[in-house]
Amino acid sequence: MVIKDEDVAIRAAQAGAAVVRAMYGASLARFDKSGGDFATAADLEAEKVILDVLRSTRPQDAVTGEESGRTGDSAAERMWLVDPLCGTLNYAARTMLVGVNVALRTGSTVTAAASADPFADEVFWTDGTRAYVRRDEVDEQLRPSAESALVDVNLDPPFPNAPEFRAVRLLADAGFVERFRPRVVSTSLALAWVAAGRRAAYVTDGDMRDSVHFAAGIGLCRAAGCVVTGIQGQPLHTGAGGLIVAADQQTHAALLALVEHQGEGVAR
């Protein structure tokens, strides 16, 4: 039986999530990375089981893992992007705000992806056309909504657009406070929440191209019908980079205006 790409993504993300859930709360070894970042033994073990699924089902595809780097043909048309535990610092501090991300980039487009929440036992997934959340083996189509007015802002580095743009300054902007309510969960699982209508928007700086952290969430949001652009409203993966994902055009326009206002203040 032929296994669809989206089913591979779901299976891989669920395998990683099972490891993350099982190892939660244990005393875990830490492995230092650059810039003060680190991985835990759970990151490594979750990535291992995810890669086992991908290699057994898609042995010809290339893979880029957060912890193990790139394997396979660097020029491959099909590339799996794996973040086995997005929110490692949360996890290490025994906070259940993490995601397990698996995405397939075919050419320049994410054609299948899954983001699993190990503790809510949910997996958000897309076949590149529509997006769903699976609970208890039942799929529900994702429908974005700005009704909550909750906007998740990623405050983690890097900040390539500073000083013209710093996400943290949104939190103190009077225009932002008048219209939105900020949230900072420090995991890209929040992107899946935008697709699901649990967040109105998500804002971050950084380079999104082939990002193991953001590829799955971006794929989910696009398939769900969210507005997805770079930090200056430009097409994704061009110009200044960064990311604004919003449930609708009005929310996106308001956030874009706030970002532009930051740049004007620096210019003066």
Foldseek 3Di string as FASTA:
>chain_A
DQDAPQNLQVVLQVQLLVLLVVCFPPDWDWADDPPRDIATPSQVVSVVSSVVSCCVRPVQEWEAEPPPGIDHDPPDQKYKFWRSWQPRVCRNVRHQQIWTKIFIHGRQATQKIWIARSPVRKIWIDRLAWIWIDDPNDTDTAAADCVQLEEEEEQDDDAQPPPLDHSVVLVVDPLSVVRHDYDYRRALVVLLCRRRHNHFKYWYADADRSHSRCRRSVSNLVNSPWQKDALQRHHARDDRHIIITGNDDVVSVSSNVVSNVSNVVVVD
